[in-house]
C-alpha atoms as a PDB file:
ATOM      1  CA  MET A   1       0.000   0.000   0.000  1.00  0.00           C
ATOM      2  CA  ALA A   2       1.224   3.506  -0.754  1.00  0.00           C
ATOM      3  CA  LEU A   3       1.524   5.410   2.526  1.00  0.00           C
ATOM      4  CA  SER A   4       2.487   9.013   3.115  1.00  0.00           C
ATOM      5  CA  LEU A   5       5.186  10.152   5.510  1.00  0.00           C
ATOM      6  CA  THR A   6       2.508  11.421   7.891  1.00  0.00           C
ATOM      7  CA  GLU A   7       0.792   8.022   7.912  1.00  0.00           C
ATOM      8  CA  LEU A   8       4.090   6.238   8.494  1.00  0.00           C
ATOM      9  CA  GLN A   9       4.929   8.568  11.362  1.00  0.00           C
ATOM     10  CA  SER A  10       1.553   7.869  12.978  1.00  0.00           C
ATOM     11  CA  LEU A  11       2.221   4.138  12.769  1.00  0.00           C
ATOM     12  CA  TYR A  12       5.784   4.376  14.039  1.00  0.00           C
ATOM     13  CA  GLU A  13       4.742   6.448  17.062  1.00  0.00           C
ATOM     14  CA  LEU A  14       2.092   3.989  18.280  1.00  0.00           C
ATOM     15  CA  PRO A  15       2.726   2.485  21.724  1.00  0.00           C
ATOM     16  CA  PHE A  16       5.365  -0.213  21.212  1.00  0.00           C
ATOM     17  CA  PHE A  17       3.238  -3.269  21.951  1.00  0.00           C
ATOM     18  CA  GLU A  18       0.282  -1.907  19.981  1.00  0.00           C
ATOM     19  CA  LEU A  19       2.574  -1.385  16.982  1.00  0.00           C
ATOM     20  CA  ILE A  20       4.130  -4.851  16.992  1.00  0.00           C
ATOM     21  CA  GLU A  21       0.777  -6.545  17.665  1.00  0.00           C
ATOM     22  CA  ARG A  22      -0.617  -4.771  14.622  1.00  0.00           C
ATOM     23  CA  SER A  23       2.364  -5.624  12.416  1.00  0.00           C
ATOM     24  CA  HIS A  24       2.271  -9.242  13.612  1.00  0.00           C
ATOM     25  CA  GLN A  25      -1.352  -9.533  12.566  1.00  0.00           C
ATOM     26  CA  VAL A  26      -0.596  -8.024   9.153  1.00  0.00           C
ATOM     27  CA  HIS A  27       2.209 -10.540   8.791  1.00  0.00           C
ATOM     28  CA  ARG A  28      -0.033 -13.499   9.699  1.00  0.00           C
ATOM     29  CA  ASN A  29      -2.730 -12.299   7.306  1.00  0.00           C
ATOM     30  CA  HIS A  30      -0.359 -12.273   4.344  1.00  0.00           C
ATOM     31  CA  TRP A  31       2.199 -14.967   5.150  1.00  0.00           C
ATOM     32  CA  GLY A  32       0.387 -17.490   7.310  1.00  0.00           C
ATOM     33  CA  ARG A  33       2.769 -20.021   8.802  1.00  0.00           C
ATOM     34  CA  GLY A  34       5.921 -18.985  10.619  1.00  0.00           C
ATOM     35  CA  GLU A  35       8.401 -19.515   7.796  1.00  0.00           C
ATOM     36  CA  VAL A  36      11.695 -17.699   7.307  1.00  0.00           C
ATOM     37  CA  GLN A  37      13.540 -17.557   4.001  1.00  0.00           C
ATOM     38  CA  LEU A  38      17.275 -18.240   4.258  1.00  0.00           C
ATOM     39  CA  CYS A  39      19.547 -16.365   1.851  1.00  0.00           C
ATOM     40  CA  THR A  40      23.291 -16.692   1.408  1.00  0.00           C
ATOM     41  CA  LEU A  41      25.340 -13.715   0.251  1.00  0.00           C
ATOM     42  CA  LEU A  42      28.776 -14.130  -1.294  1.00  0.00           C
ATOM     43  CA  SER A  43      31.173 -11.345  -2.251  1.00  0.00           C
ATOM     44  CA  ILE A  44      32.433 -12.434  -5.667  1.00  0.00           C
ATOM     45  CA  LYS A  45      34.560  -9.309  -6.231  1.00  0.00           C
ATOM     46  CA  THR A  46      35.867  -7.616  -3.103  1.00  0.00           C
ATOM     47  CA  GLY A  47      37.286  -4.129  -2.554  1.00  0.00           C
ATOM     48  CA  GLY A  48      38.732  -1.501  -4.852  1.00  0.00           C
ATOM     49  CA  CYS A  49      35.381   0.180  -5.542  1.00  0.00           C
ATOM     50  CA  SER A  50      35.468   3.699  -6.999  1.00  0.00           C
ATOM     51  CA  GLU A  51      32.413   4.828  -5.031  1.00  0.00           C
ATOM     52  CA  ASP A  52      32.632   6.776  -1.747  1.00  0.00           C
ATOM     53  CA  CYS A  53      29.803   5.197   0.289  1.00  0.00           C
ATOM     54  CA  SER A  54      30.659   6.331   3.824  1.00  0.00           C
ATOM     55  CA  TYR A  55      29.752   3.017   5.434  1.00  0.00           C
ATOM     56  CA  CYS A  56      31.703   0.704   3.130  1.00  0.00           C
ATOM     57  CA  THR A  57      35.147  -0.839   3.623  1.00  0.00           C
ATOM     58  CA  GLN A  58      35.204  -1.757  -0.058  1.00  0.00           C
ATOM     59  CA  SER A  59      35.652   1.836  -1.185  1.00  0.00           C
ATOM     60  CA  ALA A  60      39.127   2.475  -2.583  1.00  0.00           C
ATOM     61  CA  ARG A  61      38.935   5.956  -1.060  1.00  0.00           C
ATOM     62  CA  TYR A  62      39.323   4.760   2.533  1.00  0.00           C
ATOM     63  CA  LYS A  63      42.257   3.144   4.326  1.00  0.00           C
ATOM     64  CA  THR A  64      40.864  -0.098   5.707  1.00  0.00           C
ATOM     65  CA  GLU A  65      42.338  -3.507   6.359  1.00  0.00           C
ATOM     66  CA  LEU A  66      40.236  -5.126   3.657  1.00  0.00           C
ATOM     67  CA  ASP A  67      42.163  -7.119   1.062  1.00  0.00           C
ATOM     68  CA  VAL A  68      41.218  -6.398  -2.542  1.00  0.00           C
ATOM     69  CA  GLU A  69      40.267  -9.568  -4.411  1.00  0.00           C
ATOM     70  CA  PRO A  70      39.515  -9.999  -8.132  1.00  0.00           C
ATOM     71  CA  LEU A  71      36.273 -11.277  -9.603  1.00  0.00           C
ATOM     72  CA  MET A  72      35.781 -14.939  -8.729  1.00  0.00           C
ATOM     73  CA  THR A  73      35.325 -17.363 -11.614  1.00  0.00           C
ATOM     74  CA  CYS A  74      32.280 -19.510 -12.161  1.00  0.00           C
ATOM     75  CA  GLU A  75      34.311 -22.555 -11.156  1.00  0.00           C
ATOM     76  CA  GLU A  76      35.199 -20.939  -7.820  1.00  0.00           C
ATOM     77  CA  ILE A  77      31.643 -19.863  -7.049  1.00  0.00           C
ATOM     78  CA  LEU A  78      29.691 -23.037  -7.865  1.00  0.00           C
ATOM     79  CA  PRO A  79      30.965 -25.084  -4.879  1.00  0.00           C
ATOM     80  CA  ARG A  80      29.921 -22.259  -2.554  1.00  0.00           C
ATOM     81  CA  ALA A  81      26.455 -22.188  -4.119  1.00  0.00           C
ATOM     82  CA  ARG A  82      26.076 -25.960  -3.734  1.00  0.00           C
ATOM     83  CA  GLN A  83      27.117 -25.707  -0.095  1.00  0.00           C
ATOM     84  CA  ALA A  84      24.574 -22.958   0.522  1.00  0.00           C
ATOM     85  CA  LYS A  85      21.831 -25.130  -0.953  1.00  0.00           C
ATOM     86  CA  GLU A  86      22.875 -28.068   1.232  1.00  0.00           C
ATOM     87  CA  HIS A  87      22.514 -25.807   4.271  1.00  0.00           C
ATOM     88  CA  GLY A  88      18.960 -24.870   3.332  1.00  0.00           C
ATOM     89  CA  ALA A  89      19.424 -21.582   1.478  1.00  0.00           C
ATOM     90  CA  LYS A  90      16.668 -20.918  -1.054  1.00  0.00           C
ATOM     91  CA  ARG A  91      18.301 -17.832  -2.516  1.00  0.00           C
ATOM     92  CA  PHE A  92      21.965 -17.381  -3.447  1.00  0.00           C
ATOM     93  CA  CYS A  93      23.104 -13.770  -3.675  1.00  0.00           C
ATOM     94  CA  MET A  94      26.323 -12.582  -5.302  1.00  0.00           C
ATOM     95  CA  GLY A  95      27.761  -9.126  -4.783  1.00  0.00           C
ATOM     96  CA  THR A  96      30.506  -7.162  -6.519  1.00  0.00           C
ATOM     97  CA  ALA A  97      32.397  -4.061  -5.419  1.00  0.00           C
ATOM     98  CA  TRP A  98      32.175  -1.874  -8.489  1.00  0.00           C
ATOM     99  CA  ARG A  99      30.152   1.092  -9.708  1.00  0.00           C
ATOM    100  CA  GLY A 100      28.055  -0.782 -12.240  1.00  0.00           C
ATOM    101  CA  VAL A 101      28.009  -3.048 -15.285  1.00  0.00           C
ATOM    102  CA  LYS A 102      27.947  -2.554 -19.044  1.00  0.00           C
ATOM    103  CA  SER A 103      26.708  -4.958 -21.699  1.00  0.00           C
ATOM    104  CA  GLY A 104      29.590  -6.645 -23.531  1.00  0.00           C
ATOM    105  CA  ASP A 105      32.123  -6.099 -20.751  1.00  0.00           C
ATOM    106  CA  ALA A 106      34.230  -9.206 -20.034  1.00  0.00           C
ATOM    107  CA  LYS A 107      33.505  -9.046 -16.294  1.00  0.00           C
ATOM    108  CA  PHE A 108      29.782  -8.786 -16.923  1.00  0.00           C
ATOM    109  CA  ASN A 109      29.933 -11.763 -19.300  1.00  0.00           C
ATOM    110  CA  GLU A 110      31.660 -13.806 -16.578  1.00  0.00           C
ATOM    111  CA  VAL A 111      28.877 -12.926 -14.141  1.00  0.00           C
ATOM    112  CA  LEU A 112      26.250 -13.955 -16.708  1.00  0.00           C
ATOM    113  CA  LYS A 113      28.007 -17.306 -17.118  1.00  0.00           C
ATOM    114  CA  THR A 114      27.989 -17.832 -13.362  1.00  0.00           C
ATOM    115  CA  VAL A 115      24.307 -16.914 -13.102  1.00  0.00           C
ATOM    116  CA  ARG A 116      23.408 -19.512 -15.738  1.00  0.00           C
ATOM    117  CA  GLU A 117      25.229 -22.254 -13.841  1.00  0.00           C
ATOM    118  CA  VAL A 118      23.965 -21.325 -10.365  1.00  0.00           C
ATOM    119  CA  SER A 119      20.376 -21.145 -11.613  1.00  0.00           C
ATOM    120  CA  LYS A 120      20.662 -24.800 -12.664  1.00  0.00           C
ATOM    121  CA  LEU A 121      20.986 -25.729  -8.969  1.00  0.00           C
ATOM    122  CA  GLY A 122      17.338 -24.865  -8.363  1.00  0.00           C
ATOM    123  CA  MET A 123      17.865 -21.818  -6.144  1.00  0.00           C
ATOM    124  CA  GLU A 124      16.749 -18.265  -6.709  1.00  0.00           C
ATOM    125  CA  VAL A 125      19.685 -16.261  -8.030  1.00  0.00           C
ATOM    126  CA  CYS A 126      20.148 -12.722  -6.768  1.00  0.00           C
ATOM    127  CA  VAL A 127      22.946 -10.353  -7.731  1.00  0.00           C
ATOM    128  CA  THR A 128      24.040  -6.884  -6.704  1.00  0.00           C
ATOM    129  CA  LEU A 129      26.297  -5.334  -9.323  1.00  0.00           C
ATOM    130  CA  GLY A 130      25.711  -1.616  -8.900  1.00  0.00           C
ATOM    131  CA  LEU A 131      24.187   0.630 -11.535  1.00  0.00           C
ATOM    132  CA  LEU A 132      22.780  -0.846 -14.733  1.00  0.00           C
ATOM    133  CA  GLY A 133      20.490   0.035 -17.610  1.00  0.00           C
ATOM    134  CA  GLU A 134      17.649  -1.690 -19.422  1.00  0.00           C
ATOM    135  CA  GLN A 135      19.928  -3.728 -21.733  1.00  0.00           C
ATOM    136  CA  GLU A 136      21.971  -5.128 -18.835  1.00  0.00           C
ATOM    137  CA  ALA A 137      18.791  -5.904 -16.905  1.00  0.00           C
ATOM    138  CA  ARG A 138      17.380  -7.855 -19.854  1.00  0.00           C
ATOM    139  CA  GLU A 139      20.590  -9.888 -20.176  1.00  0.00           C
ATOM    140  CA  LEU A 140      20.538 -10.729 -16.474  1.00  0.00           C
ATOM    141  CA  LYS A 141      16.917 -11.822 -16.746  1.00  0.00           C
ATOM    142  CA  GLU A 142      17.708 -14.066 -19.716  1.00  0.00           C
ATOM    143  CA  ALA A 143      20.642 -15.614 -17.837  1.00  0.00           C
ATOM    144  CA  GLY A 144      18.406 -16.611 -14.941  1.00  0.00           C
ATOM    145  CA  VAL A 145      18.537 -13.798 -12.385  1.00  0.00           C
ATOM    146  CA  SER A 146      15.362 -13.789 -10.331  1.00  0.00           C
ATOM    147  CA  ALA A 147      16.167 -10.867  -8.040  1.00  0.00           C
ATOM    148  CA  TYR A 148      18.504  -7.894  -7.885  1.00  0.00           C
ATOM    149  CA  ASN A 149      19.569  -6.086  -4.737  1.00  0.00           C
ATOM    150  CA  HIS A 150      19.872  -2.330  -5.090  1.00  0.00           C
ATOM    151  CA  ASN A 151      19.365  -0.485  -1.819  1.00  0.00           C
ATOM    152  CA  ILE A 152      18.356   3.154  -1.723  1.00  0.00           C
ATOM    153  CA  ASP A 153      20.248   3.327   1.611  1.00  0.00           C
ATOM    154  CA  THR A 154      18.413   6.217   3.274  1.00  0.00           C
ATOM    155  CA  SER A 155      16.080   9.128   2.585  1.00  0.00           C
ATOM    156  CA  PRO A 156      16.526  11.300  -0.512  1.00  0.00           C
ATOM    157  CA  GLU A 157      17.293  14.230   1.795  1.00  0.00           C
ATOM    158  CA  TYR A 158      20.024  12.510   3.846  1.00  0.00           C
ATOM    159  CA  TYR A 159      21.522  10.572   0.961  1.00  0.00           C
ATOM    160  CA  PRO A 160      24.055  13.298  -0.083  1.00  0.00           C
ATOM    161  CA  GLN A 161      25.554  13.098   3.416  1.00  0.00           C
ATOM    162  CA  ILE A 162      26.464   9.445   2.795  1.00  0.00           C
ATOM    163  CA  ILE A 163      27.379   9.198  -0.909  1.00  0.00           C
ATOM    164  CA  SER A 164      28.524  11.761  -3.480  1.00  0.00           C
ATOM    165  CA  THR A 165      29.606   9.556  -6.401  1.00  0.00           C
ATOM    166  CA  ARG A 166      26.105   8.556  -7.447  1.00  0.00           C
ATOM    167  CA  THR A 167      22.781  10.248  -6.908  1.00  0.00           C
ATOM    168  CA  PHE A 168      19.580   9.022  -5.337  1.00  0.00           C
ATOM    169  CA  GLU A 169      17.973   9.317  -8.763  1.00  0.00           C
ATOM    170  CA  ASP A 170      20.691   7.029 -10.195  1.00  0.00           C
ATOM    171  CA  ARG A 171      19.483   4.333  -7.820  1.00  0.00           C
ATOM    172  CA  LEU A 172      15.861   4.840  -8.800  1.00  0.00           C
ATOM    173  CA  LYS A 173      16.789   4.590 -12.495  1.00  0.00           C
ATOM    174  CA  THR A 174      18.395   1.207 -11.887  1.00  0.00           C
ATOM    175  CA  ILE A 175      15.300   0.026 -10.027  1.00  0.00           C
ATOM    176  CA  ARG A 176      13.099   1.126 -12.926  1.00  0.00           C
ATOM    177  CA  ALA A 177      15.314  -0.785 -15.387  1.00  0.00           C
ATOM    178  CA  LEU A 178      14.945  -3.917 -13.255  1.00  0.00           C
ATOM    179  CA  GLN A 179      11.177  -3.539 -13.091  1.00  0.00           C
ATOM    180  CA  GLN A 180      11.060  -3.097 -16.866  1.00  0.00           C
ATOM    181  CA  ALA A 181      12.920  -6.403 -17.235  1.00  0.00           C
ATOM    182  CA  GLU A 182      10.543  -8.044 -14.723  1.00  0.00           C
ATOM    183  CA  ILE A 183      13.321  -8.836 -12.271  1.00  0.00           C
ATOM    184  CA  SER A 184      12.225  -8.850  -8.637  1.00  0.00           C
ATOM    185  CA  VAL A 185      13.679  -5.902  -6.780  1.00  0.00           C
ATOM    186  CA  CYS A 186      15.329  -6.297  -3.392  1.00  0.00           C
ATOM    187  CA  SER A 187      15.737  -2.804  -1.982  1.00  0.00           C
ATOM    188  CA  GLY A 188      16.025  -1.424   1.507  1.00  0.00           C
ATOM    189  CA  GLY A 189      18.501   0.606   3.450  1.00  0.00           C
ATOM    190  CA  ILE A 190      20.806   1.108   6.396  1.00  0.00           C
ATOM    191  CA  ILE A 191      19.973   2.735   9.694  1.00  0.00           C
ATOM    192  CA  GLY A 192      22.413   4.058  12.261  1.00  0.00           C
ATOM    193  CA  MET A 193      24.341   6.344   9.899  1.00  0.00           C
ATOM    194  CA  GLY A 194      23.418   9.510  11.785  1.00  0.00           C
ATOM    195  CA  GLU A 195      20.057   9.941  10.078  1.00  0.00           C
ATOM    196  CA  SER A 196      16.871  10.988  11.866  1.00  0.00           C
ATOM    197  CA  ILE A 197      13.768   8.899  12.477  1.00  0.00           C
ATOM    198  CA  THR A 198      12.104  10.997   9.774  1.00  0.00           C
ATOM    199  CA  ASP A 199      14.851  10.000   7.327  1.00  0.00           C
ATOM    200  CA  ARG A 200      14.209   6.330   8.067  1.00  0.00           C
ATOM    201  CA  LEU A 201      10.501   6.752   7.476  1.00  0.00           C
ATOM    202  CA  ARG A 202      11.094   8.763   4.288  1.00  0.00           C
ATOM    203  CA  MET A 203      13.138   5.797   3.055  1.00  0.00           C
ATOM    204  CA  ILE A 204      10.163   3.508   3.733  1.00  0.00           C
ATOM    205  CA  GLU A 205       7.841   6.020   2.068  1.00  0.00           C
ATOM    206  CA  VAL A 206       9.907   5.936  -1.135  1.00  0.00           C
ATOM    207  CA  LEU A 207       9.988   2.132  -1.135  1.00  0.00           C
ATOM    208  CA  CYS A 208       6.289   1.566  -0.471  1.00  0.00           C
ATOM    209  CA  ASN A 209       5.371   4.039  -3.213  1.00  0.00           C
ATOM    210  CA  LEU A 210       7.349   2.169  -5.889  1.00  0.00           C
ATOM    211  CA  ASP A 211       5.173   0.378  -8.436  1.00  0.00           C
ATOM    212  CA  PRO A 212       5.507  -2.484  -7.854  1.00  0.00           C
ATOM    213  CA  VAL A 213       6.882  -2.367  -4.330  1.00  0.00           C
ATOM    214  CA  PRO A 214      10.110  -4.318  -3.768  1.00  0.00           C
ATOM    215  CA  GLU A 215       9.761  -8.081  -3.452  1.00  0.00           C
ATOM    216  CA  SER A 216      12.061  -7.953  -0.444  1.00  0.00           C
ATOM    217  CA  VAL A 217      13.206  -5.133   1.820  1.00  0.00           C
ATOM    218  CA  PRO A 218      16.483  -5.638   3.687  1.00  0.00           C
ATOM    219  CA  ILE A 219      16.834  -3.555   6.822  1.00  0.00           C
ATOM    220  CA  ASN A 220      20.497  -3.195   7.731  1.00  0.00           C
ATOM    221  CA  ALA A 221      21.884  -1.865  10.987  1.00  0.00           C
ATOM    222  CA  LEU A 222      25.155  -0.068  10.343  1.00  0.00           C
ATOM    223  CA  VAL A 223      28.241  -2.099  11.153  1.00  0.00           C
ATOM    224  CA  PRO A 224      30.797   0.641  11.864  1.00  0.00           C
ATOM    225  CA  MET A 225      33.980  -0.311  10.029  1.00  0.00           C
ATOM    226  CA  PRO A 226      37.437   0.992  10.995  1.00  0.00           C
ATOM    227  CA  GLY A 227      38.803   3.368   8.390  1.00  0.00           C
ATOM    228  CA  THR A 228      35.407   4.494   7.083  1.00  0.00           C
ATOM    229  CA  PRO A 229      33.862   7.906   7.856  1.00  0.00           C
ATOM    230  CA  LEU A 230      31.144   6.224   9.960  1.00  0.00           C
ATOM    231  CA  GLU A 231      33.453   4.089  12.096  1.00  0.00           C
ATOM    232  CA  HIS A 232      32.472   5.840  15.340  1.00  0.00           C
ATOM    233  CA  GLN A 233      28.693   5.765  14.951  1.00  0.00           C
ATOM    234  CA  PRO A 234      26.871   4.413  18.033  1.00  0.00           C
ATOM    235  CA  PRO A 235      24.753   1.242  17.745  1.00  0.00           C
ATOM    236  CA  VAL A 236      21.090   1.436  16.786  1.00  0.00           C
ATOM    237  CA  ASP A 237      18.632   1.247  19.679  1.00  0.00           C
ATOM    238  CA  ILE A 238      16.900  -2.144  19.517  1.00  0.00           C
ATOM    239  CA  PHE A 239      13.424  -0.682  20.064  1.00  0.00           C
ATOM    240  CA  GLU A 240      13.943   1.796  17.225  1.00  0.00           C
ATOM    241  CA  PHE A 241      15.071  -1.103  15.047  1.00  0.00           C
ATOM    242  CA  VAL A 242      12.010  -3.209  15.885  1.00  0.00           C
ATOM    243  CA  ARG A 243       9.706  -0.220  15.354  1.00  0.00           C
ATOM    244  CA  LEU A 244      11.106   0.218  11.840  1.00  0.00           C
ATOM    245  CA  ILE A 245      10.682  -3.502  11.089  1.00  0.00           C
ATOM    246  CA  ALA A 246       7.057  -3.320  12.246  1.00  0.00           C
ATOM    247  CA  THR A 247       6.332  -0.159  10.270  1.00  0.00           C
ATOM    248  CA  THR A 248       7.903  -1.682   7.167  1.00  0.00           C
ATOM    249  CA  ARG A 249       5.773  -4.819   7.528  1.00  0.00           C
ATOM    250  CA  ILE A 250       2.565  -2.785   7.753  1.00  0.00           C
ATOM    251  CA  ALA A 251       3.555  -0.530   4.849  1.00  0.00           C
ATOM    252  CA  MET A 252       4.576  -3.432   2.590  1.00  0.00           C
ATOM    253  CA  PRO A 253       2.589  -6.472   3.719  1.00  0.00           C
ATOM    254  CA  ARG A 254       3.531  -8.682   0.747  1.00  0.00           C
ATOM    255  CA  ALA A 255       7.267  -7.936   0.791  1.00  0.00           C
ATOM    256  CA  ARG A 256       9.783 -10.097   2.555  1.00  0.00           C
ATOM    257  CA  VAL A 257      11.315  -8.011   5.318  1.00  0.00           C
ATOM    258  CA  ARG A 258      14.904  -9.174   5.630  1.00  0.00           C
ATOM    259  CA  LEU A 259      17.249  -8.894   8.601  1.00  0.00           C
ATOM    260  CA  SER A 260      20.619  -8.211   7.004  1.00  0.00           C
ATOM    261  CA  ALA A 261      23.839  -6.528   8.109  1.00  0.00           C
ATOM    262  CA  GLY A 262      24.229  -5.886  11.816  1.00  0.00           C
ATOM    263  CA  ARG A 263      22.182  -8.896  12.881  1.00  0.00           C
ATOM    264  CA  ASN A 264      25.181 -10.335  14.719  1.00  0.00           C
ATOM    265  CA  LYS A 265      24.967  -7.306  17.040  1.00  0.00           C
ATOM    266  CA  LEU A 266      21.335  -8.041  17.925  1.00  0.00           C
ATOM    267  CA  SER A 267      20.581 -10.206  20.930  1.00  0.00           C
ATOM    268  CA  ARG A 268      18.547 -13.384  20.470  1.00  0.00           C
ATOM    269  CA  GLU A 269      15.683 -11.603  22.202  1.00  0.00           C
ATOM    270  CA  GLY A 270      16.020  -8.643  19.852  1.00  0.00           C
ATOM    271  CA  GLN A 271      15.904 -10.916  16.829  1.00  0.00           C
ATOM    272  CA  ALA A 272      12.852 -12.671  18.259  1.00  0.00           C
ATOM    273  CA  LEU A 273      11.062  -9.318  18.518  1.00  0.00           C
ATOM    274  CA  CYS A 274      11.971  -8.597  14.887  1.00  0.00           C
ATOM    275  CA  PHE A 275      10.486 -11.914  13.750  1.00  0.00           C
ATOM    276  CA  PHE A 276       7.334 -11.257  15.778  1.00  0.00           C
ATOM    277  CA  ALA A 277       7.075  -7.778  14.249  1.00  0.00           C
ATOM    278  CA  GLY A 278       7.144  -9.217  10.727  1.00  0.00           C
ATOM    279  CA  ALA A 279      10.673 -10.025   9.587  1.00  0.00           C
ATOM    280  CA  ASN A 280      10.609 -13.247   7.564  1.00  0.00           C
ATOM    281  CA  SER A 281      13.950 -13.493   5.811  1.00  0.00           C
ATOM    282  CA  ILE A 282      17.562 -13.507   6.962  1.00  0.00           C
ATOM    283  CA  HIS A 283      20.965 -13.570   5.392  1.00  0.00           C
ATOM    284  CA  CYS A 284      22.722 -16.601   6.797  1.00  0.00           C
ATOM    285  CA  GLY A 285      26.346 -17.719   6.719  1.00  0.00           C
ATOM    286  CA  GLU A 286      29.407 -16.377   8.470  1.00  0.00           C
ATOM    287  CA  LYS A 287      29.892 -13.327   6.221  1.00  0.00           C
ATOM    288  CA  LEU A 288      27.718 -10.631   4.626  1.00  0.00           C
ATOM    289  CA  LEU A 289      30.094  -9.402   1.945  1.00  0.00           C
ATOM    290  CA  THR A 290      32.732  -8.096   4.395  1.00  0.00           C
ATOM    291  CA  ALA A 291      30.743  -7.915   7.666  1.00  0.00           C
ATOM    292  CA  ASP A 292      30.509 -10.692  10.230  1.00  0.00           C
ATOM    293  CA  ASN A 293      27.230 -12.592  10.500  1.00  0.00           C
ATOM    294  CA  PRO A 294      25.852 -15.222  12.925  1.00  0.00           C
ATOM    295  CA  GLN A 295      26.953 -18.806  12.332  1.00  0.00           C
ATOM    296  CA  MET A 296      24.466 -21.042  10.512  1.00  0.00           C
ATOM    297  CA  GLN A 297      24.090 -23.372  13.505  1.00  0.00           C
ATOM    298  CA  GLU A 298      23.209 -20.425  15.753  1.00  0.00           C
ATOM    299  CA  ASP A 299      20.491 -19.380  13.325  1.00  0.00           C
ATOM    300  CA  MET A 300      19.053 -22.882  13.108  1.00  0.00           C
ATOM    301  CA  GLU A 301      18.933 -23.174  16.895  1.00  0.00           C
ATOM    302  CA  LEU A 302      17.222 -19.790  17.257  1.00  0.00           C
ATOM    303  CA  LEU A 303      14.597 -20.538  14.599  1.00  0.00           C
ATOM    304  CA  SER A 304      13.933 -23.898  16.245  1.00  0.00           C
ATOM    305  CA  GLN A 305      13.491 -22.349  19.690  1.00  0.00           C
ATOM    306  CA  LEU A 306      11.043 -19.813  18.262  1.00  0.00           C
ATOM    307  CA  GLY A 307       9.070 -22.476  16.397  1.00  0.00           C
ATOM    308  CA  LEU A 308       9.917 -20.930  13.028  1.00  0.00           C
ATOM    309  CA  LEU A 309      10.507 -23.018   9.928  1.00  0.00           C
ATOM    310  CA  GLN A 310      12.815 -22.662   6.958  1.00  0.00           C
ATOM    311  CA  GLU A 311      10.777 -21.575   3.972  1.00  0.00           C
ATOM    312  CA  GLN A 312      10.466 -24.588   1.695  1.00  0.00           C
ATOM    313  CA  GLU A 313       9.319 -22.884  -1.475  1.00  0.00           C
ATOM    314  CA  ALA A 314      11.026 -19.545  -1.860  1.00  0.00           C
ATOM    315  CA  CYS A 315       8.314 -17.742  -3.832  1.00  0.00           C
ATOM    316  CA  SER A 316       5.152 -19.567  -2.715  1.00  0.00           C
ATOM    317  CA  HIS A 317       3.612 -16.710  -0.729  1.00  0.00           C
ATOM    318  CA  GLN A 318       4.483 -14.093  -3.309  1.00  0.00           C
ATOM    319  CA  LYS A 319       2.733 -16.079  -6.013  1.00  0.00           C
ATOM    320  CA  ASP A 320      -0.394 -16.397  -3.903  1.00  0.00           C
ATOM    321  CA  ALA A 321      -0.450 -12.751  -2.878  1.00  0.00           C
END
C-alpha cells in the first residue's frame, strides 16, 4: 500500500506493543505459517570500488584492512552455491564491489556465465552489481537472475551526506530498469548512519510508493567499520530497530522483510522481537560481503526455539499474494 510520511509517522509512534501486535497480525494475514527464508550472500569481487559510500570498507577511497580480491570465476563460485543449498538456502546472492556493469564487458559476461550455472541448482539467483540500464537488466533476466539487490540506503534528503559519487535518482533509475525487465527488486537501506527517524521513514515512504513495491526489503543496521567515515557511529537502539521492522511490515505487507547486516549485534531476544514484528527473511552464513554474520548453527537453533521453519518454497507466498 502507498503510505504518506505522515501516515508512516503515525504508525511508528504507536505504543510499542500496539505497533508490533498490529504488524504481527498483518504478517499473519499475508504470510500465514511462521516460515523464514534463508539467503546466502557471497562477495564475488571484493574491494577496490570507486564509489565513496561512507559506510563501506570496499571503497578504494578509505584506508581499511580489507584485502582487494579480483572477480571470482564460475568454477570458484559453484561449490559455494552448492554448499549454501545443502545448508537450506533458497536464494543465493552474489555481490561485486564496483560502480556498475555494461553490456559486452568481459567481467559482466563472466557474471552472466555464473548466473546460468547457479540457476541450474534450483535456487533463486540474486545479484548486486551496482548501476545498470535496461539492456543489462534484460541480459541478467535471460541468464536466470530472479532478483537484484539495489538499496536506496536512506532518505533522498540525507543521501548526499552518505554518498557523493552517485545520486539518489541514479538508484531509482536502476530500479526502474529492473522492473522493466521483470526482475524482482530487493531494496532497503541502512539505519544508524546519523540519520533521523524521519529519514528512516522517508526511506520507507519511497519504497512503499514504488510500483511495484520491492519483493524484499532488507533492513540493515550499520556495522561501523574501521577506516570508514562512519566508524564511530553508536549502535542502533533495539526498540527503534524493531519499530522500523514493524512499520515496514505494515507498509509493505507482501514484501519479505529481511534482517541483514548488523544482525550479529542483535541479541537473540532482539531478533525474536523482529520476527514477531514481521521479519521473515535472513541472510545466513558467516559473512555478509565483508561484515561478520551469525553462524548457521546459531540461526538454526534460534529458529527452532522460536518455532519458526525454513521456507520450503522460496516464492510460494508471493505467487499467492
